[in-house]
Amino acid sequence: THTAAQWGDMTRSYYPGYNGTRTRMQIFHGTADS
């Protein structure tokens, strides 16, 4: 687990200098996923 900012910084670090539009996201997950 991380804070939102820590996760966001991680993603931004994978494409340094990118300032364009970011990908829209639709996310599904099951509560009983093992």
Full PDB file with SEQRES, HELIX, SHEET, SSBOND, CRYST1, ORIGX, SCALE, CONECT and MASTER records, all heavy atoms in Angstrom:
SEQRES   1 A   34  THR HIS THR ALA ALA GLN TRP GLY ASP MET THR ARG SER          
SEQRES   2 A   34  TYR TYR PRO GLY TYR ASN GLY THR ARG THR ARG MET GLN          
SEQRES   3 A   34  ILE PHE HIS GLY THR ALA ASP SER                              
HELIX    1 AA1 ALA A    4  SER A   13  1                                  10    
CRYST1    1.000    1.000    1.000  90.00  90.00  90.00 P 1           1          
ORIGX1      1.000000  0.000000  0.000000        0.00000                         
ORIGX2      0.000000  1.000000  0.000000        0.00000                         
ORIGX3      0.000000  0.000000  1.000000        0.00000                         
SCALE1      1.000000  0.000000  0.000000        0.00000                         
SCALE2      0.000000  1.000000  0.000000        0.00000                         
SCALE3      0.000000  0.000000  1.000000        0.00000                         
ATOM      1  N   THR A   1       0.834  -1.196   0.000  1.00  0.00           N  
ATOM      2  CA  THR A   1       0.000   0.000   0.000  1.00  0.00           C  
ATOM      3  C   THR A   1       0.868   1.246   0.000  1.00  0.00           C  
ATOM      4  O   THR A   1       1.963   1.260   0.566  1.00  0.00           O  
ATOM      5  CB  THR A   1      -0.937   0.034   1.220  1.00  0.00           C  
ATOM      6  OG1 THR A   1      -0.150   0.063   2.423  1.00  0.00           O  
ATOM      7  CG2 THR A   1      -1.839  -1.193   1.233  1.00  0.00           C  
ATOM      8  N   HIS A   2       0.364   2.282  -0.657  1.00  0.00           N  
ATOM      9  CA  HIS A   2       1.022   3.581  -0.685  1.00  0.00           C  
ATOM     10  C   HIS A   2      -0.044   4.664  -0.618  1.00  0.00           C  
ATOM     11  O   HIS A   2      -1.241   4.401  -0.807  1.00  0.00           O  
ATOM     12  CB  HIS A   2       1.825   3.765  -1.981  1.00  0.00           C  
ATOM     13  CG  HIS A   2       3.008   2.871  -2.117  1.00  0.00           C  
ATOM     14  ND1 HIS A   2       4.068   2.891  -1.245  1.00  0.00           N  
ATOM     15  CD2 HIS A   2       3.317   1.921  -3.041  1.00  0.00           C  
ATOM     16  CE1 HIS A   2       4.978   2.009  -1.607  1.00  0.00           C  
ATOM     17  NE2 HIS A   2       4.536   1.401  -2.696  1.00  0.00           N  
ATOM     18  N   THR A   3       0.377   5.890  -0.387  1.00  0.00           N  
ATOM     19  CA  THR A   3      -0.549   7.004  -0.522  1.00  0.00           C  
ATOM     20  C   THR A   3      -0.837   7.221  -1.999  1.00  0.00           C  
ATOM     21  O   THR A   3      -0.104   6.751  -2.879  1.00  0.00           O  
ATOM     22  CB  THR A   3       0.037   8.290   0.069  1.00  0.00           C  
ATOM     23  OG1 THR A   3       1.168   8.696  -0.726  1.00  0.00           O  
ATOM     24  CG2 THR A   3       0.475   8.084   1.517  1.00  0.00           C  
ATOM     25  N   ALA A   4      -1.906   7.959  -2.267  1.00  0.00           N  
ATOM     26  CA  ALA A   4      -2.233   8.278  -3.656  1.00  0.00           C  
ATOM     27  C   ALA A   4      -1.084   9.011  -4.337  1.00  0.00           C  
ATOM     28  O   ALA A   4      -0.744   8.720  -5.495  1.00  0.00           O  
ATOM     29  CB  ALA A   4      -3.514   9.106  -3.708  1.00  0.00           C  
ATOM     30  N   ALA A   5      -0.474   9.932  -3.620  1.00  0.00           N  
ATOM     31  CA  ALA A   5       0.631  10.699  -4.201  1.00  0.00           C  
ATOM     32  C   ALA A   5       1.829   9.814  -4.490  1.00  0.00           C  
ATOM     33  O   ALA A   5       2.505   9.982  -5.514  1.00  0.00           O  
ATOM     34  CB  ALA A   5       1.029  11.834  -3.260  1.00  0.00           C  
ATOM     35  N   GLN A   6       2.111   8.860  -3.601  1.00  0.00           N  
ATOM     36  CA  GLN A   6       3.238   7.953  -3.841  1.00  0.00           C  
ATOM     37  C   GLN A   6       2.992   7.076  -5.062  1.00  0.00           C  
ATOM     38  O   GLN A   6       3.890   6.887  -5.892  1.00  0.00           O  
ATOM     39  CB  GLN A   6       3.476   7.091  -2.600  1.00  0.00           C  
ATOM     40  CG  GLN A   6       4.085   7.840  -1.435  1.00  0.00           C  
ATOM     41  CD  GLN A   6       4.091   7.022  -0.146  1.00  0.00           C  
ATOM     42  OE1 GLN A   6       3.248   6.136   0.065  1.00  0.00           O  
ATOM     43  NE2 GLN A   6       5.037   7.316   0.730  1.00  0.00           N  
ATOM     44  N   TRP A   7       1.787   6.561  -5.199  1.00  0.00           N  
ATOM     45  CA  TRP A   7       1.451   5.774  -6.386  1.00  0.00           C  
ATOM     46  C   TRP A   7       1.549   6.645  -7.642  1.00  0.00           C  
ATOM     47  O   TRP A   7       2.058   6.227  -8.673  1.00  0.00           O  
ATOM     48  CB  TRP A   7       0.044   5.200  -6.290  1.00  0.00           C  
ATOM     49  CG  TRP A   7      -0.129   3.976  -5.456  1.00  0.00           C  
ATOM     50  CD1 TRP A   7      -0.965   3.827  -4.384  1.00  0.00           C  
ATOM     51  CD2 TRP A   7       0.496   2.698  -5.646  1.00  0.00           C  
ATOM     52  NE1 TRP A   7      -0.889   2.549  -3.889  1.00  0.00           N  
ATOM     53  CE2 TRP A   7      -0.010   1.836  -4.643  1.00  0.00           C  
ATOM     54  CE3 TRP A   7       1.435   2.209  -6.550  1.00  0.00           C  
ATOM     55  CZ2 TRP A   7       0.398   0.506  -4.537  1.00  0.00           C  
ATOM     56  CZ3 TRP A   7       1.832   0.885  -6.447  1.00  0.00           C  
ATOM     57  CH2 TRP A   7       1.326   0.046  -5.455  1.00  0.00           C  
ATOM     58  N   GLY A   8       1.021   7.865  -7.543  1.00  0.00           N  
ATOM     59  CA  GLY A   8       1.053   8.756  -8.692  1.00  0.00           C  
ATOM     60  C   GLY A   8       2.466   9.109  -9.117  1.00  0.00           C  
ATOM     61  O   GLY A   8       2.785   9.120 -10.306  1.00  0.00           O  
ATOM     62  N   ASP A   9       3.333   9.373  -8.124  1.00  0.00           N  
ATOM     63  CA  ASP A   9       4.732   9.673  -8.436  1.00  0.00           C  
ATOM     64  C   ASP A   9       5.408   8.489  -9.118  1.00  0.00           C  
ATOM     65  O   ASP A   9       6.244   8.657 -10.013  1.00  0.00           O  
ATOM     66  CB  ASP A   9       5.495  10.040  -7.168  1.00  0.00           C  
ATOM     67  CG  ASP A   9       5.126  11.420  -6.638  1.00  0.00           C  
ATOM     68  OD1 ASP A   9       4.506  12.198  -7.385  1.00  0.00           O  
ATOM     69  OD2 ASP A   9       5.450  11.702  -5.472  1.00  0.00           O  
ATOM     70  N   MET A  10       5.036   7.281  -8.691  1.00  0.00           N  
ATOM     71  CA  MET A  10       5.603   6.077  -9.299  1.00  0.00           C  
ATOM     72  C   MET A  10       5.252   6.024 -10.787  1.00  0.00           C  
ATOM     73  O   MET A  10       6.123   5.825 -11.644  1.00  0.00           O  
ATOM     74  CB  MET A  10       5.074   4.838  -8.572  1.00  0.00           C  
ATOM     75  CG  MET A  10       5.745   3.543  -8.948  1.00  0.00           C  
ATOM     76  SD  MET A  10       5.060   2.117  -8.039  1.00  0.00           S  
ATOM     77  CE  MET A  10       5.443   2.566  -6.340  1.00  0.00           C  
ATOM     78  N   THR A  11       3.982   6.220 -11.092  1.00  0.00           N  
ATOM     79  CA  THR A  11       3.561   6.197 -12.490  1.00  0.00           C  
ATOM     80  C   THR A  11       4.238   7.301 -13.300  1.00  0.00           C  
ATOM     81  O   THR A  11       4.719   7.061 -14.412  1.00  0.00           O  
ATOM     82  CB  THR A  11       2.033   6.330 -12.584  1.00  0.00           C  
ATOM     83  OG1 THR A  11       1.426   5.133 -12.083  1.00  0.00           O  
ATOM     84  CG2 THR A  11       1.576   6.547 -14.020  1.00  0.00           C  
ATOM     85  N   ARG A  12       4.281   8.493 -12.750  1.00  0.00           N  
ATOM     86  CA  ARG A  12       4.902   9.608 -13.479  1.00  0.00           C  
ATOM     87  C   ARG A  12       6.387   9.356 -13.739  1.00  0.00           C  
ATOM     88  O   ARG A  12       6.933   9.804 -14.753  1.00  0.00           O  
ATOM     89  CB  ARG A  12       4.689  10.913 -12.710  1.00  0.00           C  
ATOM     90  CG  ARG A  12       3.254  11.448 -12.819  1.00  0.00           C  
ATOM     91  CD  ARG A  12       3.091  12.763 -12.108  1.00  0.00           C  
ATOM     92  NE  ARG A  12       3.049  12.598 -10.657  1.00  0.00           N  
ATOM     93  CZ  ARG A  12       1.947  12.405  -9.952  1.00  0.00           C  
ATOM     94  NH1 ARG A  12       0.767  12.320 -10.562  1.00  0.00           N  
ATOM     95  NH2 ARG A  12       1.997  12.277  -8.634  1.00  0.00           N  
ATOM     96  N   SER A  13       7.027   8.610 -12.848  1.00  0.00           N  
ATOM     97  CA  SER A  13       8.464   8.340 -13.019  1.00  0.00           C  
ATOM     98  C   SER A  13       8.744   7.423 -14.195  1.00  0.00           C  
ATOM     99  O   SER A  13       9.872   7.382 -14.697  1.00  0.00           O  
ATOM    100  CB  SER A  13       9.039   7.712 -11.742  1.00  0.00           C  
ATOM    101  OG  SER A  13       8.646   6.353 -11.595  1.00  0.00           O  
ATOM    102  N   TYR A  14       7.742   6.699 -14.663  1.00  0.00           N  
ATOM    103  CA  TYR A  14       7.953   5.746 -15.754  1.00  0.00           C  
ATOM    104  C   TYR A  14       7.967   6.420 -17.129  1.00  0.00           C  
ATOM    105  O   TYR A  14       8.350   5.797 -18.117  1.00  0.00           O  
ATOM    106  CB  TYR A  14       6.885   4.649 -15.719  1.00  0.00           C  
ATOM    107  CG  TYR A  14       6.937   3.809 -14.459  1.00  0.00           C  
ATOM    108  CD1 TYR A  14       5.768   3.406 -13.813  1.00  0.00           C  
ATOM    109  CD2 TYR A  14       8.157   3.431 -13.899  1.00  0.00           C  
ATOM    110  CE1 TYR A  14       5.819   2.635 -12.672  1.00  0.00           C  
ATOM    111  CE2 TYR A  14       8.208   2.672 -12.744  1.00  0.00           C  
ATOM    112  CZ  TYR A  14       7.037   2.284 -12.132  1.00  0.00           C  
ATOM    113  OH  TYR A  14       7.083   1.531 -10.975  1.00  0.00           O  
ATOM    114  N   TYR A  15       7.534   7.681 -17.178  1.00  0.00           N  
ATOM    115  CA  TYR A  15       7.613   8.455 -18.426  1.00  0.00           C  
ATOM    116  C   TYR A  15       8.027   9.876 -18.048  1.00  0.00           C  
ATOM    117  O   TYR A  15       7.222  10.811 -18.097  1.00  0.00           O  
ATOM    118  CB  TYR A  15       6.268   8.443 -19.145  1.00  0.00           C  
ATOM    119  CG  TYR A  15       6.302   8.906 -20.592  1.00  0.00           C  
ATOM    120  CD1 TYR A  15       5.188   8.729 -21.406  1.00  0.00           C  
ATOM    121  CD2 TYR A  15       7.431   9.520 -21.152  1.00  0.00           C  
ATOM    122  CE1 TYR A  15       5.194   9.151 -22.731  1.00  0.00           C  
ATOM    123  CE2 TYR A  15       7.445   9.937 -22.470  1.00  0.00           C  
ATOM    124  CZ  TYR A  15       6.327   9.758 -23.253  1.00  0.00           C  
ATOM    125  OH  TYR A  15       6.332  10.185 -24.567  1.00  0.00           O  
ATOM    126  N   PRO A  16       9.279  10.060 -17.692  1.00  0.00           N  
ATOM    127  CA  PRO A  16       9.747  11.363 -17.217  1.00  0.00           C  
ATOM    128  C   PRO A  16       9.525  12.455 -18.267  1.00  0.00           C  
ATOM    129  O   PRO A  16       9.760  12.249 -19.455  1.00  0.00           O  
ATOM    130  CB  PRO A  16      11.243  11.133 -16.975  1.00  0.00           C  
ATOM    131  CG  PRO A  16      11.395   9.656 -16.827  1.00  0.00           C  
ATOM    132  CD  PRO A  16      10.353   9.051 -17.704  1.00  0.00           C  
ATOM    133  N   GLY A  17       9.044  13.582 -17.805  1.00  0.00           N  
ATOM    134  CA  GLY A  17       8.867  14.723 -18.691  1.00  0.00           C  
ATOM    135  C   GLY A  17       7.564  14.740 -19.463  1.00  0.00           C  
ATOM    136  O   GLY A  17       7.271  15.723 -20.156  1.00  0.00           O  
ATOM    137  N   TYR A  18       6.765  13.695 -19.352  1.00  0.00           N  
ATOM    138  CA  TYR A  18       5.504  13.665 -20.093  1.00  0.00           C  
ATOM    139  C   TYR A  18       4.489  14.587 -19.420  1.00  0.00           C  
ATOM    140  O   TYR A  18       4.205  14.457 -18.227  1.00  0.00           O  
ATOM    141  CB  TYR A  18       4.941  12.246 -20.162  1.00  0.00           C  
ATOM    142  CG  TYR A  18       3.630  12.168 -20.904  1.00  0.00           C  
ATOM    143  CD1 TYR A  18       3.592  12.246 -22.291  1.00  0.00           C  
ATOM    144  CD2 TYR A  18       2.421  12.049 -20.219  1.00  0.00           C  
ATOM    145  CE1 TYR A  18       2.389  12.199 -22.981  1.00  0.00           C  
ATOM    146  CE2 TYR A  18       1.215  11.988 -20.899  1.00  0.00           C  
ATOM    147  CZ  TYR A  18       1.208  12.063 -22.281  1.00  0.00           C  
ATOM    148  OH  TYR A  18       0.009  12.008 -22.961  1.00  0.00           O  
ATOM    149  N   ASN A  19       3.919  15.483 -20.193  1.00  0.00           N  
ATOM    150  CA  ASN A  19       2.947  16.447 -19.667  1.00  0.00           C  
ATOM    151  C   ASN A  19       1.639  16.429 -20.442  1.00  0.00           C  
ATOM    152  O   ASN A  19       0.822  17.342 -20.295  1.00  0.00           O  
ATOM    153  CB  ASN A  19       3.537  17.865 -19.694  1.00  0.00           C  
ATOM    154  CG  ASN A  19       4.709  18.013 -18.741  1.00  0.00           C  
ATOM    155  OD1 ASN A  19       4.618  17.623 -17.583  1.00  0.00           O  
ATOM    156  ND2 ASN A  19       5.811  18.561 -19.233  1.00  0.00           N  
ATOM    157  N   GLY A  20       1.437  15.400 -21.254  1.00  0.00           N  
ATOM    158  CA  GLY A  20       0.234  15.336 -22.074  1.00  0.00           C  
ATOM    159  C   GLY A  20      -0.949  14.730 -21.350  1.00  0.00           C  
ATOM    160  O   GLY A  20      -0.931  14.501 -20.135  1.00  0.00           O  
ATOM    161  N   THR A  21      -1.989  14.451 -22.106  1.00  0.00           N  
ATOM    162  CA  THR A  21      -3.214  13.865 -21.566  1.00  0.00           C  
ATOM    163  C   THR A  21      -2.941  12.455 -21.063  1.00  0.00           C  
ATOM    164  O   THR A  21      -2.226  11.671 -21.698  1.00  0.00           O  
ATOM    165  CB  THR A  21      -4.303  13.834 -22.651  1.00  0.00           C  
ATOM    166  OG1 THR A  21      -4.523  15.165 -23.116  1.00  0.00           O  
ATOM    167  CG2 THR A  21      -5.602  13.260 -22.110  1.00  0.00           C  
ATOM    168  N   ARG A  22      -3.539  12.119 -19.931  1.00  0.00           N  
ATOM    169  CA  ARG A  22      -3.375  10.798 -19.341  1.00  0.00           C  
ATOM    170  C   ARG A  22      -4.539   9.873 -19.721  1.00  0.00           C  
ATOM    171  O   ARG A  22      -5.648  10.317 -20.034  1.00  0.00           O  
ATOM    172  CB  ARG A  22      -3.279  10.909 -17.820  1.00  0.00           C  
ATOM    173  CG  ARG A  22      -1.946  11.485 -17.344  1.00  0.00           C  
ATOM    174  CD  ARG A  22      -0.860  10.450 -17.416  1.00  0.00           C  
ATOM    175  NE  ARG A  22       0.462  10.994 -17.048  1.00  0.00           N  
ATOM    176  CZ  ARG A  22       1.554  10.249 -16.956  1.00  0.00           C  
ATOM    177  NH1 ARG A  22       1.500   8.958 -17.202  1.00  0.00           N  
ATOM    178  NH2 ARG A  22       2.712  10.801 -16.632  1.00  0.00           N  
ATOM    179  N   THR A  23      -4.260   8.596 -19.687  1.00  0.00           N  
ATOM    180  CA  THR A  23      -5.220   7.560 -20.054  1.00  0.00           C  
ATOM    181  C   THR A  23      -6.405   7.525 -19.088  1.00  0.00           C  
ATOM    182  O   THR A  23      -6.219   7.485 -17.868  1.00  0.00           O  
ATOM    183  CB  THR A  23      -4.529   6.183 -20.047  1.00  0.00           C  
ATOM    184  OG1 THR A  23      -3.352   6.249 -20.861  1.00  0.00           O  
ATOM    185  CG2 THR A  23      -5.452   5.096 -20.562  1.00  0.00           C  
ATOM    186  N   ARG A  24      -7.618   7.529 -19.615  1.00  0.00           N  
ATOM    187  CA  ARG A  24      -8.818   7.329 -18.795  1.00  0.00           C  
ATOM    188  C   ARG A  24      -8.862   5.870 -18.348  1.00  0.00           C  
ATOM    189  O   ARG A  24      -8.442   4.978 -19.080  1.00  0.00           O  
ATOM    190  CB  ARG A  24     -10.082   7.689 -19.570  1.00  0.00           C  
ATOM    191  CG  ARG A  24     -10.152   9.150 -19.990  1.00  0.00           C  
ATOM    192  CD  ARG A  24     -11.317   9.410 -20.945  1.00  0.00           C  
ATOM    193  NE  ARG A  24     -12.584   9.024 -20.365  1.00  0.00           N  
ATOM    194  CZ  ARG A  24     -13.408   8.102 -20.869  1.00  0.00           C  
ATOM    195  NH1 ARG A  24     -13.081   7.433 -21.988  1.00  0.00           N  
ATOM    196  NH2 ARG A  24     -14.562   7.823 -20.297  1.00  0.00           N  
ATOM    197  N   MET A  25      -9.402   5.636 -17.147  1.00  0.00           N  
ATOM    198  CA  MET A  25      -9.340   4.294 -16.566  1.00  0.00           C  
ATOM    199  C   MET A  25     -10.711   3.812 -16.094  1.00  0.00           C  
ATOM    200  O   MET A  25     -11.435   4.522 -15.390  1.00  0.00           O  
ATOM    201  CB  MET A  25      -8.381   4.287 -15.378  1.00  0.00           C  
ATOM    202  CG  MET A  25      -6.949   4.717 -15.691  1.00  0.00           C  
ATOM    203  SD  MET A  25      -6.080   3.646 -16.861  1.00  0.00           S  
ATOM    204  CE  MET A  25      -6.012   2.101 -15.929  1.00  0.00           C  
ATOM    205  N   GLN A  26     -11.041   2.562 -16.457  1.00  0.00           N  
ATOM    206  CA  GLN A  26     -12.202   1.840 -15.941  1.00  0.00           C  
ATOM    207  C   GLN A  26     -11.679   0.582 -15.269  1.00  0.00           C  
ATOM    208  O   GLN A  26     -10.992  -0.224 -15.907  1.00  0.00           O  
ATOM    209  CB  GLN A  26     -13.166   1.496 -17.073  1.00  0.00           C  
ATOM    210  CG  GLN A  26     -14.379   0.674 -16.651  1.00  0.00           C  
ATOM    211  CD  GLN A  26     -15.361   0.487 -17.781  1.00  0.00           C  
ATOM    212  OE1 GLN A  26     -16.372   1.161 -17.862  1.00  0.00           O  
ATOM    213  NE2 GLN A  26     -15.068  -0.432 -18.684  1.00  0.00           N  
ATOM    214  N   ILE A  27     -11.987   0.388 -13.981  1.00  0.00           N  
ATOM    215  CA  ILE A  27     -11.339  -0.657 -13.177  1.00  0.00           C  
ATOM    216  C   ILE A  27     -12.387  -1.535 -12.504  1.00  0.00           C  
ATOM    217  O   ILE A  27     -13.259  -1.042 -11.779  1.00  0.00           O  
ATOM    218  CB  ILE A  27     -10.413  -0.021 -12.120  1.00  0.00           C  
ATOM    219  CG1 ILE A  27      -9.311   0.791 -12.809  1.00  0.00           C  
ATOM    220  CG2 ILE A  27      -9.820  -1.090 -11.211  1.00  0.00           C  
ATOM    221  CD1 ILE A  27      -8.470   1.621 -11.868  1.00  0.00           C  
ATOM    222  N   PHE A  28     -12.297  -2.852 -12.730  1.00  0.00           N  
ATOM    223  CA  PHE A  28     -13.171  -3.836 -12.105  1.00  0.00           C  
ATOM    224  C   PHE A  28     -12.359  -4.710 -11.141  1.00  0.00           C  
ATOM    225  O   PHE A  28     -11.225  -5.081 -11.445  1.00  0.00           O  
ATOM    226  CB  PHE A  28     -13.790  -4.771 -13.156  1.00  0.00           C  
ATOM    227  CG  PHE A  28     -14.711  -4.123 -14.146  1.00  0.00           C  
ATOM    228  CD1 PHE A  28     -14.222  -3.489 -15.284  1.00  0.00           C  
ATOM    229  CD2 PHE A  28     -16.085  -4.156 -13.969  1.00  0.00           C  
ATOM    230  CE1 PHE A  28     -15.060  -2.911 -16.222  1.00  0.00           C  
ATOM    231  CE2 PHE A  28     -16.945  -3.582 -14.898  1.00  0.00           C  
ATOM    232  CZ  PHE A  28     -16.433  -2.961 -16.028  1.00  0.00           C  
ATOM    233  N   HIS A  29     -12.955  -5.057 -10.003  1.00  0.00           N  
ATOM    234  CA  HIS A  29     -12.291  -6.004  -9.100  1.00  0.00           C  
ATOM    235  C   HIS A  29     -13.336  -6.688  -8.224  1.00  0.00           C  
ATOM    236  O   HIS A  29     -14.313  -6.062  -7.804  1.00  0.00           O  
ATOM    237  CB  HIS A  29     -11.265  -5.299  -8.213  1.00  0.00           C  
ATOM    238  CG  HIS A  29     -10.048  -6.128  -7.946  1.00  0.00           C  
ATOM    239  ND1 HIS A  29      -8.852  -5.923  -8.592  1.00  0.00           N  
ATOM    240  CD2 HIS A  29      -9.843  -7.191  -7.114  1.00  0.00           C  
ATOM    241  CE1 HIS A  29      -7.962  -6.805  -8.166  1.00  0.00           C  
ATOM    242  NE2 HIS A  29      -8.550  -7.585  -7.273  1.00  0.00           N  
ATOM    243  N   GLY A  30     -13.109  -7.967  -7.955  1.00  0.00           N  
ATOM    244  CA  GLY A  30     -14.014  -8.736  -7.118  1.00  0.00           C  
ATOM    245  C   GLY A  30     -13.558  -8.772  -5.667  1.00  0.00           C  
ATOM    246  O   GLY A  30     -12.364  -8.932  -5.387  1.00  0.00           O  
ATOM    247  N   THR A  31     -14.503  -8.676  -4.748  1.00  0.00           N  
ATOM    248  CA  THR A  31     -14.158  -8.662  -3.324  1.00  0.00           C  
ATOM    249  C   THR A  31     -13.627 -10.013  -2.845  1.00  0.00           C  
ATOM    250  O   THR A  31     -12.935 -10.082  -1.833  1.00  0.00           O  
ATOM    251  CB  THR A  31     -15.372  -8.278  -2.462  1.00  0.00           C  
ATOM    252  OG1 THR A  31     -16.402  -9.272  -2.602  1.00  0.00           O  
ATOM    253  CG2 THR A  31     -15.923  -6.912  -2.863  1.00  0.00           C  
ATOM    254  N   ALA A  32     -13.946 -11.082  -3.569  1.00  0.00           N  
ATOM    255  CA  ALA A  32     -13.521 -12.428  -3.163  1.00  0.00           C  
ATOM    256  C   ALA A  32     -12.311 -12.915  -3.957  1.00  0.00           C  
ATOM    257  O   ALA A  32     -12.019 -14.117  -3.976  1.00  0.00           O  
ATOM    258  CB  ALA A  32     -14.678 -13.409  -3.322  1.00  0.00           C  
ATOM    259  N   ASP A  33     -11.594 -12.007  -4.585  1.00  0.00           N  
ATOM    260  CA  ASP A  33     -10.416 -12.371  -5.382  1.00  0.00           C  
ATOM    261  C   ASP A  33      -9.315 -12.902  -4.464  1.00  0.00           C  
ATOM    262  O   ASP A  33      -8.845 -12.197  -3.572  1.00  0.00           O  
ATOM    263  CB  ASP A  33      -9.907 -11.143  -6.139  1.00  0.00           C  
ATOM    264  CG  ASP A  33      -8.923 -11.484  -7.248  1.00  0.00           C  
ATOM    265  OD1 ASP A  33      -8.110 -12.404  -7.058  1.00  0.00           O  
ATOM    266  OD2 ASP A  33      -8.970 -10.818  -8.297  1.00  0.00           O  
ATOM    267  N   SER A  34      -8.899 -14.121  -4.689  1.00  0.00           N  
ATOM    268  CA  SER A  34      -7.852 -14.744  -3.860  1.00  0.00           C  
ATOM    269  C   SER A  34      -6.539 -14.880  -4.619  1.00  0.00           C  
ATOM    270  O   SER A  34      -5.591 -15.464  -4.099  1.00  0.00           O  
ATOM    271  CB  SER A  34      -8.308 -16.120  -3.362  1.00  0.00           C  
ATOM    272  OG  SER A  34      -8.584 -16.989  -4.448  1.00  0.00           O  
TER     273      SER A  34                                                      
MASTER        0    0    0    1    0    0    0    6  272    1    0    3          
END                                                                             
